[in-house]
Amino acid sequence: MKLLLWVVTLLVLLLWTGTIWVFTGLADWLAAQVATGEAANLAAIIAQWPVPPELAPWIGEAFLVPLRDLFAWTVGVLESLLPFLPGLVGILSVLLWILWFIVTGIIVVLALLGHWALSKAQRLRHQVRPRPL
């Protein structure tokens, strides 16, 4: 049971790390778009994104349309922040990794508490034995 707890913890940490890595890449990409002046056209560019060929068997157009709309809306909101964005994007990557560190610490502490609880339950199970009649 403890092994399963740590395997699940490792998988969650890998997923969490991958998510932060992707968001950091997106922040860097957004910073490059702002630096080149392409950020003003992002909403129109995102609205025309096709389904990537690698994902076409799993993601249909019906799934991608709401995502595109959400991204286009988010970028539209971000476009109103364009004057402030260059300063924010520089620190965004750092803030994302600080968030990663905090959440990773919480996940590890929860896993340690689960390990401790499983150890305690295992000891109690072995200590409490029925008396023979």
N, C-alpha and C. Protein backbone atom coordinates (compact mmCIF):
# COMPACT_ATOMS: atom_id res chain seq x y z
N MET A 1 0.82 -1.18 0.00
CA MET A 1 0.00 0.00 0.00
C MET A 1 0.87 1.26 0.00
N LYS A 2 1.98 1.20 0.76
CA LYS A 2 2.88 2.35 0.80
C LYS A 2 3.52 2.58 -0.58
N LEU A 3 3.85 1.48 -1.24
CA LEU A 3 4.44 1.60 -2.57
C LEU A 3 3.45 2.27 -3.53
N LEU A 4 2.20 1.88 -3.46
CA LEU A 4 1.17 2.51 -4.30
C LEU A 4 1.05 4.00 -3.99
N LEU A 5 1.11 4.35 -2.71
CA LEU A 5 1.05 5.76 -2.31
C LEU A 5 2.18 6.55 -2.96
N TRP A 6 3.39 6.03 -2.93
CA TRP A 6 4.53 6.76 -3.48
C TRP A 6 4.52 6.76 -5.00
N VAL A 7 4.02 5.71 -5.62
CA VAL A 7 3.91 5.70 -7.08
C VAL A 7 2.90 6.76 -7.53
N VAL A 8 1.77 6.82 -6.86
CA VAL A 8 0.76 7.83 -7.20
C VAL A 8 1.32 9.23 -6.93
N THR A 9 2.03 9.40 -5.83
CA THR A 9 2.64 10.70 -5.53
C THR A 9 3.62 11.10 -6.62
N LEU A 10 4.44 10.16 -7.06
CA LEU A 10 5.40 10.45 -8.13
C LEU A 10 4.70 10.84 -9.42
N LEU A 11 3.62 10.12 -9.76
CA LEU A 11 2.88 10.45 -10.98
C LEU A 11 2.24 11.84 -10.89
N VAL A 12 1.70 12.17 -9.73
CA VAL A 12 1.11 13.50 -9.54
C VAL A 12 2.18 14.58 -9.66
N LEU A 13 3.36 14.32 -9.07
CA LEU A 13 4.45 15.29 -9.16
C LEU A 13 4.95 15.45 -10.58
N LEU A 14 5.01 14.36 -11.33
CA LEU A 14 5.41 14.46 -12.73
C LEU A 14 4.41 15.26 -13.54
N LEU A 15 3.13 15.01 -13.31
CA LEU A 15 2.08 15.76 -14.01
C LEU A 15 2.14 17.24 -13.63
N TRP A 16 2.32 17.53 -12.37
CA TRP A 16 2.40 18.91 -11.89
C TRP A 16 3.62 19.61 -12.48
N THR A 17 4.76 18.93 -12.50
CA THR A 17 5.98 19.53 -13.05
C THR A 17 5.81 19.79 -14.55
N GLY A 18 5.22 18.84 -15.27
CA GLY A 18 4.97 19.04 -16.69
C GLY A 18 4.05 20.21 -16.96
N THR A 19 3.04 20.37 -16.12
CA THR A 19 2.11 21.48 -16.28
C THR A 19 2.81 22.82 -16.10
N ILE A 20 3.62 22.93 -15.06
CA ILE A 20 4.35 24.17 -14.83
C ILE A 20 5.35 24.42 -15.95
N TRP A 21 5.99 23.37 -16.43
CA TRP A 21 6.95 23.50 -17.52
C TRP A 21 6.26 24.06 -18.77
N VAL A 22 5.06 23.53 -19.08
CA VAL A 22 4.30 24.02 -20.24
C VAL A 22 3.89 25.48 -20.03
N PHE A 23 3.39 25.81 -18.84
CA PHE A 23 2.99 27.19 -18.58
C PHE A 23 4.17 28.15 -18.64
N THR A 24 5.34 27.71 -18.19
CA THR A 24 6.53 28.54 -18.29
C THR A 24 6.90 28.76 -19.75
N GLY A 25 6.80 27.71 -20.55
CA GLY A 25 7.05 27.85 -21.99
C GLY A 25 6.07 28.81 -22.64
N LEU A 26 4.80 28.72 -22.24
CA LEU A 26 3.80 29.65 -22.77
C LEU A 26 4.09 31.08 -22.35
N ALA A 27 4.55 31.26 -21.13
CA ALA A 27 4.89 32.62 -20.67
C ALA A 27 6.06 33.17 -21.47
N ASP A 28 7.06 32.33 -21.74
CA ASP A 28 8.20 32.78 -22.55
C ASP A 28 7.76 33.09 -23.97
N TRP A 29 6.88 32.27 -24.52
CA TRP A 29 6.36 32.51 -25.87
C TRP A 29 5.58 33.82 -25.91
N LEU A 30 4.78 34.05 -24.88
CA LEU A 30 4.01 35.28 -24.81
C LEU A 30 4.94 36.49 -24.71
N ALA A 31 6.03 36.34 -23.96
CA ALA A 31 7.00 37.43 -23.85
C ALA A 31 7.62 37.72 -25.21
N ALA A 32 7.91 36.67 -25.98
CA ALA A 32 8.47 36.87 -27.32
C ALA A 32 7.44 37.54 -28.24
N GLN A 33 6.18 37.17 -28.10
CA GLN A 33 5.14 37.79 -28.91
C GLN A 33 4.99 39.26 -28.58
N VAL A 34 5.07 39.58 -27.30
CA VAL A 34 4.97 40.99 -26.88
C VAL A 34 6.17 41.77 -27.40
N ALA A 35 7.36 41.16 -27.33
CA ALA A 35 8.57 41.85 -27.76
C ALA A 35 8.56 42.14 -29.27
N THR A 36 7.97 41.23 -30.06
CA THR A 36 7.94 41.43 -31.51
C THR A 36 6.72 42.22 -31.97
N GLY A 37 5.80 42.50 -31.07
CA GLY A 37 4.61 43.25 -31.44
C GLY A 37 3.50 42.40 -32.00
N GLU A 38 3.65 41.08 -31.98
CA GLU A 38 2.62 40.17 -32.51
C GLU A 38 1.50 39.91 -31.52
N ALA A 39 1.63 40.37 -30.30
CA ALA A 39 0.63 40.07 -29.28
C ALA A 39 -0.73 40.65 -29.62
N ALA A 40 -0.77 41.73 -30.36
CA ALA A 40 -2.05 42.35 -30.70
C ALA A 40 -2.88 41.46 -31.62
N ASN A 41 -2.24 40.56 -32.36
CA ASN A 41 -2.95 39.68 -33.29
C ASN A 41 -3.19 38.28 -32.74
N LEU A 42 -2.86 38.05 -31.48
CA LEU A 42 -2.94 36.69 -30.93
C LEU A 42 -4.35 36.13 -30.94
N ALA A 43 -5.35 36.94 -30.62
CA ALA A 43 -6.72 36.44 -30.57
C ALA A 43 -7.14 35.91 -31.94
N ALA A 44 -6.79 36.63 -33.00
CA ALA A 44 -7.14 36.18 -34.35
C ALA A 44 -6.34 34.93 -34.73
N ILE A 45 -5.09 34.86 -34.32
CA ILE A 45 -4.27 33.69 -34.62
C ILE A 45 -4.80 32.45 -33.90
N ILE A 46 -5.15 32.60 -32.64
CA ILE A 46 -5.65 31.47 -31.85
C ILE A 46 -6.99 30.99 -32.40
N ALA A 47 -7.83 31.89 -32.86
CA ALA A 47 -9.14 31.50 -33.38
C ALA A 47 -9.03 30.63 -34.63
N GLN A 48 -7.88 30.63 -35.28
CA GLN A 48 -7.70 29.85 -36.51
C GLN A 48 -6.85 28.60 -36.30
N TRP A 49 -6.49 28.28 -35.07
CA TRP A 49 -5.66 27.11 -34.82
C TRP A 49 -6.35 25.84 -35.32
N PRO A 50 -5.65 25.01 -36.09
CA PRO A 50 -6.21 23.72 -36.48
C PRO A 50 -5.90 22.66 -35.41
N VAL A 51 -6.56 21.53 -35.52
CA VAL A 51 -6.24 20.41 -34.64
C VAL A 51 -4.88 19.86 -35.07
N PRO A 52 -3.92 19.72 -34.14
CA PRO A 52 -2.63 19.15 -34.53
C PRO A 52 -2.81 17.72 -35.04
N PRO A 53 -2.09 17.33 -36.12
CA PRO A 53 -2.28 16.00 -36.70
C PRO A 53 -2.04 14.87 -35.70
N GLU A 54 -1.12 15.09 -34.74
CA GLU A 54 -0.84 14.04 -33.75
C GLU A 54 -2.01 13.81 -32.81
N LEU A 55 -2.80 14.86 -32.59
CA LEU A 55 -3.92 14.77 -31.66
C LEU A 55 -5.25 14.53 -32.35
N ALA A 56 -5.28 14.59 -33.67
CA ALA A 56 -6.54 14.45 -34.41
C ALA A 56 -7.32 13.17 -34.07
N PRO A 57 -6.66 12.01 -33.89
CA PRO A 57 -7.44 10.82 -33.54
C PRO A 57 -8.13 10.90 -32.19
N TRP A 58 -7.61 11.72 -31.27
CA TRP A 58 -8.16 11.78 -29.92
C TRP A 58 -8.98 13.03 -29.66
N ILE A 59 -8.65 14.12 -30.34
CA ILE A 59 -9.35 15.39 -30.11
C ILE A 59 -10.07 15.79 -31.39
N GLY A 60 -11.37 15.87 -31.29
CA GLY A 60 -12.15 16.28 -32.45
C GLY A 60 -12.32 17.78 -32.50
N GLU A 61 -12.85 18.26 -33.60
CA GLU A 61 -13.08 19.69 -33.78
C GLU A 61 -14.08 20.22 -32.75
N ALA A 62 -15.04 19.38 -32.35
CA ALA A 62 -16.05 19.82 -31.38
C ALA A 62 -15.42 20.09 -30.01
N PHE A 63 -14.36 19.40 -29.69
CA PHE A 63 -13.66 19.62 -28.43
C PHE A 63 -12.76 20.85 -28.51
N LEU A 64 -12.19 21.07 -29.69
CA LEU A 64 -11.23 22.15 -29.85
C LEU A 64 -11.88 23.53 -29.93
N VAL A 65 -13.10 23.62 -30.45
CA VAL A 65 -13.76 24.91 -30.63
C VAL A 65 -13.94 25.65 -29.29
N PRO A 66 -14.47 25.01 -28.23
CA PRO A 66 -14.59 25.75 -26.95
C PRO A 66 -13.22 26.13 -26.38
N LEU A 67 -12.22 25.28 -26.57
CA LEU A 67 -10.88 25.63 -26.09
C LEU A 67 -10.33 26.83 -26.84
N ARG A 68 -10.52 26.84 -28.14
CA ARG A 68 -10.09 27.99 -28.94
C ARG A 68 -10.78 29.26 -28.48
N ASP A 69 -12.09 29.16 -28.26
CA ASP A 69 -12.84 30.33 -27.80
C ASP A 69 -12.34 30.81 -26.43
N LEU A 70 -12.06 29.87 -25.54
CA LEU A 70 -11.54 30.22 -24.22
C LEU A 70 -10.18 30.91 -24.33
N PHE A 71 -9.28 30.35 -25.15
CA PHE A 71 -7.97 30.95 -25.34
C PHE A 71 -8.09 32.34 -25.98
N ALA A 72 -8.96 32.45 -26.98
CA ALA A 72 -9.14 33.74 -27.65
C ALA A 72 -9.68 34.79 -26.66
N TRP A 73 -10.62 34.39 -25.82
CA TRP A 73 -11.15 35.30 -24.81
C TRP A 73 -10.06 35.71 -23.82
N THR A 74 -9.28 34.71 -23.36
CA THR A 74 -8.20 35.00 -22.41
C THR A 74 -7.18 35.96 -23.01
N VAL A 75 -6.82 35.72 -24.26
CA VAL A 75 -5.86 36.61 -24.93
C VAL A 75 -6.47 37.98 -25.12
N GLY A 76 -7.76 38.04 -25.41
CA GLY A 76 -8.44 39.34 -25.52
C GLY A 76 -8.35 40.12 -24.23
N VAL A 77 -8.51 39.44 -23.10
CA VAL A 77 -8.36 40.10 -21.81
C VAL A 77 -6.92 40.54 -21.61
N LEU A 78 -5.98 39.66 -21.99
CA LEU A 78 -4.56 40.00 -21.83
C LEU A 78 -4.16 41.17 -22.73
N GLU A 79 -4.83 41.31 -23.88
CA GLU A 79 -4.49 42.42 -24.77
C GLU A 79 -4.75 43.77 -24.10
N SER A 80 -5.73 43.81 -23.22
CA SER A 80 -5.97 45.06 -22.51
C SER A 80 -4.86 45.36 -21.50
N LEU A 81 -4.07 44.32 -21.17
CA LEU A 81 -2.96 44.50 -20.24
C LEU A 81 -1.62 44.69 -20.95
N LEU A 82 -1.65 44.82 -22.29
CA LEU A 82 -0.40 44.90 -23.06
C LEU A 82 0.59 45.96 -22.55
N PRO A 83 0.14 47.11 -22.13
CA PRO A 83 1.13 48.07 -21.64
C PRO A 83 1.90 47.57 -20.41
N PHE A 84 1.27 46.73 -19.61
CA PHE A 84 1.90 46.24 -18.38
C PHE A 84 2.54 44.87 -18.56
N LEU A 85 2.24 44.20 -19.67
CA LEU A 85 2.64 42.81 -19.85
C LEU A 85 4.14 42.56 -19.89
N PRO A 86 4.96 43.36 -20.54
CA PRO A 86 6.40 43.05 -20.56
C PRO A 86 7.00 42.92 -19.16
N GLY A 87 6.60 43.76 -18.24
CA GLY A 87 7.11 43.65 -16.88
C GLY A 87 6.58 42.44 -16.15
N LEU A 88 5.32 42.09 -16.42
CA LEU A 88 4.72 40.94 -15.75
C LEU A 88 5.26 39.61 -16.28
N VAL A 89 5.51 39.52 -17.57
CA VAL A 89 5.94 38.26 -18.16
C VAL A 89 7.32 37.87 -17.66
N GLY A 90 8.17 38.86 -17.42
CA GLY A 90 9.51 38.56 -16.93
C GLY A 90 9.49 37.88 -15.58
N ILE A 91 8.56 38.26 -14.74
CA ILE A 91 8.49 37.68 -13.40
C ILE A 91 7.54 36.47 -13.36
N LEU A 92 6.72 36.30 -14.39
CA LEU A 92 5.75 35.21 -14.38
C LEU A 92 6.41 33.84 -14.29
N SER A 93 7.49 33.65 -15.02
CA SER A 93 8.19 32.37 -14.98
C SER A 93 8.70 32.07 -13.57
N VAL A 94 9.24 33.08 -12.92
CA VAL A 94 9.74 32.91 -11.56
C VAL A 94 8.59 32.58 -10.61
N LEU A 95 7.48 33.30 -10.76
CA LEU A 95 6.32 33.04 -9.90
C LEU A 95 5.75 31.64 -10.11
N LEU A 96 5.76 31.18 -11.36
CA LEU A 96 5.28 29.82 -11.63
C LEU A 96 6.14 28.78 -10.94
N TRP A 97 7.47 28.95 -10.95
CA TRP A 97 8.34 27.96 -10.29
C TRP A 97 8.26 28.07 -8.78
N ILE A 98 7.99 29.26 -8.25
CA ILE A 98 7.76 29.38 -6.81
C ILE A 98 6.47 28.65 -6.44
N LEU A 99 5.43 28.83 -7.25
CA LEU A 99 4.18 28.09 -7.03
C LEU A 99 4.42 26.59 -7.11
N TRP A 100 5.25 26.15 -8.08
CA TRP A 100 5.58 24.73 -8.21
C TRP A 100 6.23 24.21 -6.93
N PHE A 101 7.17 24.98 -6.39
CA PHE A 101 7.87 24.58 -5.18
C PHE A 101 6.92 24.44 -4.00
N ILE A 102 6.02 25.39 -3.84
CA ILE A 102 5.08 25.36 -2.72
C ILE A 102 4.14 24.17 -2.84
N VAL A 103 3.55 23.98 -4.01
CA VAL A 103 2.59 22.88 -4.20
C VAL A 103 3.30 21.53 -4.11
N THR A 104 4.52 21.44 -4.64
CA THR A 104 5.28 20.20 -4.53
C THR A 104 5.55 19.87 -3.07
N GLY A 105 5.90 20.88 -2.28
CA GLY A 105 6.11 20.66 -0.85
C GLY A 105 4.86 20.15 -0.17
N ILE A 106 3.72 20.71 -0.53
CA ILE A 106 2.45 20.27 0.06
C ILE A 106 2.16 18.82 -0.33
N ILE A 107 2.39 18.48 -1.58
CA ILE A 107 2.14 17.11 -2.04
C ILE A 107 3.05 16.12 -1.31
N VAL A 108 4.32 16.47 -1.15
CA VAL A 108 5.26 15.58 -0.46
C VAL A 108 4.88 15.44 1.02
N VAL A 109 4.50 16.54 1.66
CA VAL A 109 4.08 16.46 3.06
C VAL A 109 2.84 15.58 3.20
N LEU A 110 1.89 15.72 2.29
CA LEU A 110 0.69 14.85 2.33
C LEU A 110 1.06 13.39 2.13
N ALA A 111 2.00 13.13 1.23
CA ALA A 111 2.45 11.75 1.01
C ALA A 111 3.14 11.20 2.26
N LEU A 112 3.96 12.02 2.91
CA LEU A 112 4.62 11.59 4.16
C LEU A 112 3.60 11.31 5.25
N LEU A 113 2.57 12.16 5.35
CA LEU A 113 1.51 11.91 6.33
C LEU A 113 0.76 10.62 6.01
N GLY A 114 0.51 10.39 4.73
CA GLY A 114 -0.14 9.14 4.33
C GLY A 114 0.74 7.93 4.64
N HIS A 115 2.02 8.05 4.42
CA HIS A 115 2.96 6.96 4.73
C HIS A 115 2.96 6.68 6.23
N TRP A 116 3.00 7.76 7.02
CA TRP A 116 2.96 7.60 8.47
C TRP A 116 1.66 6.94 8.92
N ALA A 117 0.53 7.38 8.36
CA ALA A 117 -0.77 6.82 8.74
C ALA A 117 -0.85 5.35 8.35
N LEU A 118 -0.33 5.00 7.19
CA LEU A 118 -0.34 3.58 6.79
C LEU A 118 0.55 2.75 7.71
N SER A 119 1.69 3.29 8.11
CA SER A 119 2.58 2.57 9.03
C SER A 119 1.89 2.36 10.38
N LYS A 120 1.24 3.42 10.86
CA LYS A 120 0.53 3.34 12.15
C LYS A 120 -0.60 2.31 12.08
N ALA A 121 -1.36 2.33 11.00
CA ALA A 121 -2.47 1.37 10.84
C ALA A 121 -1.93 -0.05 10.75
N GLN A 122 -0.81 -0.23 10.09
CA GLN A 122 -0.22 -1.56 9.96
C GLN A 122 0.25 -2.06 11.32
N ARG A 123 0.87 -1.18 12.13
CA ARG A 123 1.32 -1.59 13.48
C ARG A 123 0.13 -1.94 14.36
N LEU A 124 -0.94 -1.14 14.29
CA LEU A 124 -2.12 -1.42 15.10
C LEU A 124 -2.77 -2.74 14.70
N ARG A 125 -2.78 -3.03 13.42
CA ARG A 125 -3.37 -4.27 12.95
C ARG A 125 -2.59 -5.48 13.47
N HIS A 126 -1.28 -5.35 13.57
CA HIS A 126 -0.46 -6.46 14.06
C HIS A 126 -0.49 -6.56 15.58
N GLN A 127 -0.71 -5.45 16.29
CA GLN A 127 -0.76 -5.47 17.74
C GLN A 127 -2.08 -6.03 18.28
N VAL A 128 -3.14 -5.71 17.63
CA VAL A 128 -4.46 -6.14 18.08
C VAL A 128 -4.78 -7.49 17.45
N ARG A 129 -4.66 -8.51 18.25
CA ARG A 129 -4.97 -9.87 17.76
C ARG A 129 -6.05 -10.45 18.66
N PRO A 130 -6.98 -11.13 18.09
CA PRO A 130 -8.03 -11.74 18.95
C PRO A 130 -7.43 -12.82 19.86
N ARG A 131 -7.95 -12.87 21.11
CA ARG A 131 -7.49 -13.89 22.07
C ARG A 131 -8.17 -15.21 21.76
N PRO A 132 -7.40 -16.28 21.84
CA PRO A 132 -8.02 -17.59 21.58
C PRO A 132 -8.98 -17.94 22.72
N LEU A 133 -10.06 -18.60 22.37
CA LEU A 133 -11.06 -18.99 23.37
C LEU A 133 -10.69 -20.24 24.08
